[in-house]
Amino acid sequence: MLFLVSWDPPALSVILLGKMNQGDITPTYTPVPEWLRVPEACRLTGLSRSTLYELISARAIKSSAVRRRGKRRGVRLIHRASLLALIESHIE
């Protein structure tokens, strides 16, 4: 298998090329998730976890907490497009 990764703001495109079948390669496209967990957002952007939570608190990026009814703990999801748009807006 061969992975090709191309950076095309505001989305990360990943193309997985399948096995060669009688001389031709059939590309398979891996969908890019619209929502990221905090560790994934840190890896994608290079921002620290605390910086991401500061941006969430300031409502600079869209996020959502997914949890069961009545529970305090859950999963924090960050909207990929809003995060990348914020970074793009700070590029000089």
Foldseek 3Di string as FASTA:
>chain_A
DDWDWDDDPPFTWIKDWDDDDPHDIDIDTDDGDQKDFLVVLCVVPVDDSVVVVVCVVVVQFDWDFDDDPPDDDGTIITGSNSSSVSVVVPDD
